[in-house]
Amino acid sequence: MNNISSRLPGIFAQFGLTSRDVADMLNIHYSLVSKWLNNKRPLRYNSQYMKKLTDVLISLDAQGCSGTLKAILLEAYPDADLNSKEKLAVYLSHYLATDNLGLEKKGFWGILKQGISIRGPMWTSIRKIPGAATR
């Protein structure tokens, strides 16, 4: 799963969700979810929708006691510490938004090592990820 167009549908499928289900849970129009799925509008790391989406997915995962999200995230981030809801939310948000930041080709850590500046709420959360570059 290397791009956002395969990540969101894959996660939705794991939980048996349709774009309308997700839209209803987030209290948004289904066309917005469709735009995310079709790469017509990026789902940004620090958007209000990302926060709502990660909360919904974490809640569904906890209700089902499946550990689906942890398994997906540990595959992408083998050294991740996912023992709290907050850390799980940070990693999930990063996982879902990575390609929207244009990091697919060079890799997330490679971009940071090159010195590209990332500031604001995203940087604050990324610094909490083990191995992330620090200032």
Protein backbone atom coordinates (compact mmCIF):
# COMPACT_ATOMS: atom_id res chain seq x y z
CA MET A 1 0.00 0.00 0.00
CA ASN A 2 2.04 2.89 -1.25
CA ASN A 3 -0.45 5.63 -1.93
CA ILE A 4 -3.44 7.28 -0.39
CA SER A 5 -5.78 5.93 -3.04
CA SER A 6 -5.04 2.42 -1.82
CA ARG A 7 -4.85 3.22 1.90
CA LEU A 8 -8.26 4.71 2.59
CA PRO A 9 -10.28 2.13 0.65
CA GLY A 10 -8.21 -0.63 2.21
CA ILE A 11 -8.88 0.58 5.74
CA PHE A 12 -12.55 1.20 4.98
CA ALA A 13 -12.79 -2.36 3.61
CA GLN A 14 -11.19 -3.78 6.79
CA PHE A 15 -14.09 -2.32 8.75
CA GLY A 16 -16.76 -2.99 6.11
CA LEU A 17 -17.38 0.73 5.61
CA THR A 18 -18.63 2.51 2.52
CA SER A 19 -17.94 6.14 1.71
CA ARG A 20 -21.50 6.95 2.77
CA ASP A 21 -20.97 5.18 6.11
CA VAL A 22 -17.85 7.24 6.73
CA ALA A 23 -19.56 10.46 5.65
CA ASP A 24 -22.43 9.78 8.05
CA MET A 25 -20.04 9.06 10.92
CA LEU A 26 -18.09 12.26 10.25
CA ASN A 27 -21.26 14.27 9.62
CA ILE A 28 -20.06 15.41 6.19
CA HIS A 29 -21.34 15.02 2.64
CA TYR A 30 -20.39 11.73 1.02
CA SER A 31 -18.93 13.55 -1.99
CA LEU A 32 -16.06 14.79 0.19
CA VAL A 33 -15.16 11.22 1.13
CA SER A 34 -15.42 10.28 -2.53
CA LYS A 35 -12.98 13.08 -3.40
CA TRP A 36 -10.50 11.73 -0.84
CA LEU A 37 -10.82 8.24 -2.27
CA ASN A 38 -10.32 9.45 -5.84
CA ASN A 39 -7.43 11.82 -5.03
CA LYS A 40 -9.47 14.82 -6.10
CA ARG A 41 -9.02 16.48 -2.71
CA PRO A 42 -6.26 15.56 -0.28
CA LEU A 43 -7.05 14.45 3.23
CA ARG A 44 -4.53 16.57 5.08
CA TYR A 45 -2.70 15.50 8.23
CA ASN A 46 -3.80 18.48 10.30
CA SER A 47 -7.36 18.83 9.00
CA GLN A 48 -10.40 18.64 11.24
CA TYR A 49 -11.58 15.69 9.13
CA MET A 50 -8.42 13.70 9.77
CA LYS A 51 -8.93 14.09 13.53
CA LYS A 52 -12.56 12.95 13.25
CA LEU A 53 -11.65 10.08 10.92
CA THR A 54 -8.87 8.76 13.15
CA ASP A 55 -11.16 8.98 16.19
CA VAL A 56 -13.87 7.02 14.37
CA LEU A 57 -11.48 4.35 13.09
CA ILE A 58 -9.80 3.92 16.48
CA SER A 59 -13.21 3.64 18.14
CA LEU A 60 -14.39 1.03 15.62
CA ASP A 61 -11.17 -0.91 16.06
CA ALA A 62 -11.55 -0.86 19.85
CA GLN A 63 -15.21 -1.94 19.70
CA GLY A 64 -14.31 -4.89 17.51
CA CYS A 65 -11.23 -5.70 19.61
CA SER A 66 -9.58 -6.68 16.36
CA GLY A 67 -6.30 -4.79 16.48
CA THR A 68 -6.64 -4.22 12.73
CA LEU A 69 -5.22 -0.71 12.87
CA LYS A 70 -2.26 -1.74 14.98
CA ALA A 71 -1.43 -4.53 12.54
CA ILE A 72 -1.60 -2.16 9.56
CA LEU A 73 0.48 0.51 11.28
CA LEU A 74 3.08 -1.93 12.60
CA GLU A 75 3.61 -3.15 9.06
CA ALA A 76 4.31 0.44 7.95
CA TYR A 77 6.15 1.48 11.15
CA PRO A 78 7.72 -1.66 12.69
CA ASP A 79 9.20 0.18 15.68
CA ALA A 80 6.04 2.11 16.50
CA ASP A 81 4.81 2.35 20.09
CA LEU A 82 1.04 2.09 19.66
CA ASN A 83 0.09 1.52 23.29
CA SER A 84 -1.97 4.68 23.70
CA LYS A 85 -4.88 6.12 21.77
CA GLU A 86 -2.94 9.35 21.22
CA LYS A 87 0.07 7.60 19.67
CA LEU A 88 -2.20 5.42 17.57
CA ALA A 89 -3.95 8.58 16.29
CA VAL A 90 -0.64 10.26 15.39
CA TYR A 91 0.63 7.23 13.47
CA LEU A 92 -2.73 6.65 11.76
CA SER A 93 -2.96 10.30 10.70
CA HIS A 94 0.57 10.17 9.36
CA TYR A 95 -0.11 6.88 7.56
CA LEU A 96 -3.23 8.22 5.87
CA ALA A 97 -1.75 11.60 4.93
CA THR A 98 1.82 10.71 3.99
CA ASP A 99 1.26 10.70 0.25
CA ASN A 100 -0.68 13.94 0.43
CA LEU A 101 2.55 15.52 1.61
CA GLY A 102 4.39 14.24 -1.45
CA LEU A 103 6.58 11.89 0.54
CA GLU A 104 5.96 8.71 -1.44
CA LYS A 105 9.03 8.77 -3.66
CA LYS A 106 11.77 9.73 -1.21
CA GLY A 107 10.28 8.37 1.97
CA PHE A 108 9.18 10.31 5.00
CA TRP A 109 12.44 10.14 6.94
CA GLY A 110 14.52 10.92 3.84
CA ILE A 111 12.58 14.14 3.31
CA LEU A 112 13.16 15.20 6.92
CA LYS A 113 16.85 14.38 6.69
CA GLN A 114 17.14 16.64 3.64
CA GLY A 115 16.13 19.53 5.82
CA ILE A 116 12.75 20.34 4.34
CA SER A 117 10.94 22.41 6.90
CA ILE A 118 7.68 21.13 8.31
CA ARG A 119 6.08 23.38 10.88
CA GLY A 120 2.88 23.72 12.84
CA PRO A 121 0.65 20.98 14.28
CA MET A 122 2.10 18.33 12.00
CA TRP A 123 5.67 18.97 13.13
CA THR A 124 4.62 18.82 16.77
CA SER A 125 3.08 15.39 16.20
CA ILE A 126 5.92 14.09 14.03
CA ARG A 127 8.48 14.92 16.72
CA LYS A 128 6.62 12.42 18.93
CA ILE A 129 7.31 9.62 16.43
CA PRO A 130 10.45 7.69 17.45
CA GLY A 131 13.26 8.28 14.99
CA ALA A 132 11.83 11.53 13.65
CA ALA A 133 14.28 14.31 13.06
CA THR A 134 14.48 16.92 15.79
CA ARG A 135 15.34 20.58 15.63
